[in-house]
Amino acid sequence: MNEPILESLAEAIALPIAEPRIAAPPPPPAPARVAFSIREVAQMLGVSEKTIRRLIDRRLLRVSRALRHLRIPKGEVERFLKETCV
């Protein structure tokens, strides 16, 4: 007599089994930077922006004037560091 009641109660209480969620793939990595602003190079080298501008004026660092902004190519920063290392 109580058996059908218990079965219906068990069915009412039973939670639906959730299907496992598949994680979304991670976003693709950002493209590698090929040039940096004066501010970014100054921060990387631990000097002021004025120092970077002086290096540019003395032609120790070459810049690209693409799109009306000064950009210092990554290779140029690496070249400068190699040439000035003691």
C-alpha atoms as a PDB file:
ATOM      1  CA  MET A   1       0.000   0.000   0.000  1.00  0.00           C
ATOM      2  CA  ASN A   2       2.754   2.434   0.822  1.00  0.00           C
ATOM      3  CA  GLU A   3       4.986   1.068  -1.904  1.00  0.00           C
ATOM      4  CA  PRO A   4       3.432   3.058  -4.826  1.00  0.00           C
ATOM      5  CA  ILE A   5       3.530   6.206  -2.722  1.00  0.00           C
ATOM      6  CA  LEU A   6       7.196   5.684  -1.930  1.00  0.00           C
ATOM      7  CA  GLU A   7       8.020   5.079  -5.589  1.00  0.00           C
ATOM      8  CA  SER A   8       6.236   8.239  -6.734  1.00  0.00           C
ATOM      9  CA  LEU A   9       7.885  10.185  -3.917  1.00  0.00           C
ATOM     10  CA  ALA A  10      11.305   8.844  -4.936  1.00  0.00           C
ATOM     11  CA  GLU A  11      10.634   9.853  -8.538  1.00  0.00           C
ATOM     12  CA  ALA A  12       9.523  13.342  -7.438  1.00  0.00           C
ATOM     13  CA  ILE A  13      12.620  13.820  -5.280  1.00  0.00           C
ATOM     14  CA  ALA A  14      15.078  12.436  -7.814  1.00  0.00           C
ATOM     15  CA  LEU A  15      16.978  15.251  -9.443  1.00  0.00           C
ATOM     16  CA  PRO A  16      17.659  15.000 -13.123  1.00  0.00           C
ATOM     17  CA  ILE A  17      21.204  13.953 -13.850  1.00  0.00           C
ATOM     18  CA  ALA A  18      23.008  16.839 -15.435  1.00  0.00           C
ATOM     19  CA  GLU A  19      25.081  16.042 -18.452  1.00  0.00           C
ATOM     20  CA  PRO A  20      28.730  16.937 -18.053  1.00  0.00           C
ATOM     21  CA  ARG A  21      29.531  20.289 -19.587  1.00  0.00           C
ATOM     22  CA  ILE A  22      32.226  20.497 -22.165  1.00  0.00           C
ATOM     23  CA  ALA A  23      34.574  23.385 -21.480  1.00  0.00           C
ATOM     24  CA  ALA A  24      34.949  25.910 -24.240  1.00  0.00           C
ATOM     25  CA  PRO A  25      38.357  25.870 -25.880  1.00  0.00           C
ATOM     26  CA  PRO A  26      40.713  28.580 -24.630  1.00  0.00           C
ATOM     27  CA  PRO A  27      40.958  31.691 -26.785  1.00  0.00           C
ATOM     28  CA  PRO A  28      43.868  31.769 -29.217  1.00  0.00           C
ATOM     29  CA  PRO A  29      46.986  33.527 -27.931  1.00  0.00           C
ATOM     30  CA  ALA A  30      47.438  37.144 -28.881  1.00  0.00           C
ATOM     31  CA  PRO A  31      49.830  37.737 -31.769  1.00  0.00           C
ATOM     32  CA  ALA A  32      53.386  38.531 -30.737  1.00  0.00           C
ATOM     33  CA  ARG A  33      54.240  42.214 -30.596  1.00  0.00           C
ATOM     34  CA  VAL A  34      56.652  43.403 -33.273  1.00  0.00           C
ATOM     35  CA  ALA A  35      57.026  47.039 -32.184  1.00  0.00           C
ATOM     36  CA  PHE A  36      56.607  49.086 -29.026  1.00  0.00           C
ATOM     37  CA  SER A  37      55.854  52.667 -28.099  1.00  0.00           C
ATOM     38  CA  ILE A  38      58.429  54.922 -26.456  1.00  0.00           C
ATOM     39  CA  ARG A  39      56.635  54.525 -23.135  1.00  0.00           C
ATOM     40  CA  GLU A  40      56.674  50.717 -23.370  1.00  0.00           C
ATOM     41  CA  VAL A  41      60.387  50.594 -24.234  1.00  0.00           C
ATOM     42  CA  ALA A  42      61.167  52.978 -21.375  1.00  0.00           C
ATOM     43  CA  GLN A  43      59.302  50.696 -18.956  1.00  0.00           C
ATOM     44  CA  MET A  44      61.041  47.590 -20.336  1.00  0.00           C
ATOM     45  CA  LEU A  45      64.479  49.158 -19.924  1.00  0.00           C
ATOM     46  CA  GLY A  46      63.690  50.873 -16.625  1.00  0.00           C
ATOM     47  CA  VAL A  47      64.473  54.379 -17.861  1.00  0.00           C
ATOM     48  CA  SER A  48      62.470  57.506 -18.540  1.00  0.00           C
ATOM     49  CA  GLU A  49      60.722  58.315 -21.792  1.00  0.00           C
ATOM     50  CA  LYS A  50      63.059  61.301 -22.122  1.00  0.00           C
ATOM     51  CA  THR A  51      66.049  58.932 -22.099  1.00  0.00           C
ATOM     52  CA  ILE A  52      64.521  56.891 -24.935  1.00  0.00           C
ATOM     53  CA  ARG A  53      63.891  60.083 -26.922  1.00  0.00           C
ATOM     54  CA  ARG A  54      67.540  61.096 -26.394  1.00  0.00           C
ATOM     55  CA  LEU A  55      68.693  57.701 -27.668  1.00  0.00           C
ATOM     56  CA  ILE A  56      66.513  58.207 -30.743  1.00  0.00           C
ATOM     57  CA  ASP A  57      67.901  61.739 -31.285  1.00  0.00           C
ATOM     58  CA  ARG A  58      71.479  60.378 -31.001  1.00  0.00           C
ATOM     59  CA  ARG A  59      70.491  57.661 -33.507  1.00  0.00           C
ATOM     60  CA  LEU A  60      71.331  54.886 -31.059  1.00  0.00           C
ATOM     61  CA  LEU A  61      67.773  53.584 -31.445  1.00  0.00           C
ATOM     62  CA  ARG A  62      66.056  53.525 -34.819  1.00  0.00           C
ATOM     63  CA  VAL A  63      62.313  54.050 -34.982  1.00  0.00           C
ATOM     64  CA  SER A  64      59.495  53.445 -37.413  1.00  0.00           C
ATOM     65  CA  ARG A  65      57.163  56.355 -38.032  1.00  0.00           C
ATOM     66  CA  ALA A  66      54.294  54.194 -39.205  1.00  0.00           C
ATOM     67  CA  LEU A  67      50.873  55.780 -38.930  1.00  0.00           C
ATOM     68  CA  ARG A  68      52.282  59.035 -37.508  1.00  0.00           C
ATOM     69  CA  HIS A  69      53.390  57.315 -34.297  1.00  0.00           C
ATOM     70  CA  LEU A  70      56.904  56.453 -33.265  1.00  0.00           C
ATOM     71  CA  ARG A  71      57.296  52.711 -32.865  1.00  0.00           C
ATOM     72  CA  ILE A  72      60.489  50.943 -31.921  1.00  0.00           C
ATOM     73  CA  PRO A  73      60.771  47.480 -33.478  1.00  0.00           C
ATOM     74  CA  LYS A  74      61.463  44.571 -31.136  1.00  0.00           C
ATOM     75  CA  GLY A  75      64.606  43.680 -33.084  1.00  0.00           C
ATOM     76  CA  GLU A  76      65.911  47.210 -32.667  1.00  0.00           C
ATOM     77  CA  VAL A  77      65.579  47.023 -28.885  1.00  0.00           C
ATOM     78  CA  GLU A  78      67.375  43.650 -28.913  1.00  0.00           C
ATOM     79  CA  ARG A  79      70.137  45.053 -31.168  1.00  0.00           C
ATOM     80  CA  PHE A  80      70.630  48.057 -28.899  1.00  0.00           C
ATOM     81  CA  LEU A  81      70.944  45.843 -25.840  1.00  0.00           C
ATOM     82  CA  LYS A  82      73.436  43.492 -27.534  1.00  0.00           C
ATOM     83  CA  GLU A  83      75.601  46.359 -28.755  1.00  0.00           C
ATOM     84  CA  THR A  84      75.641  48.180 -25.438  1.00  0.00           C
ATOM     85  CA  CYS A  85      76.235  45.208 -23.151  1.00  0.00           C
ATOM     86  CA  VAL A  86      79.650  45.274 -21.513  1.00  0.00           C
END
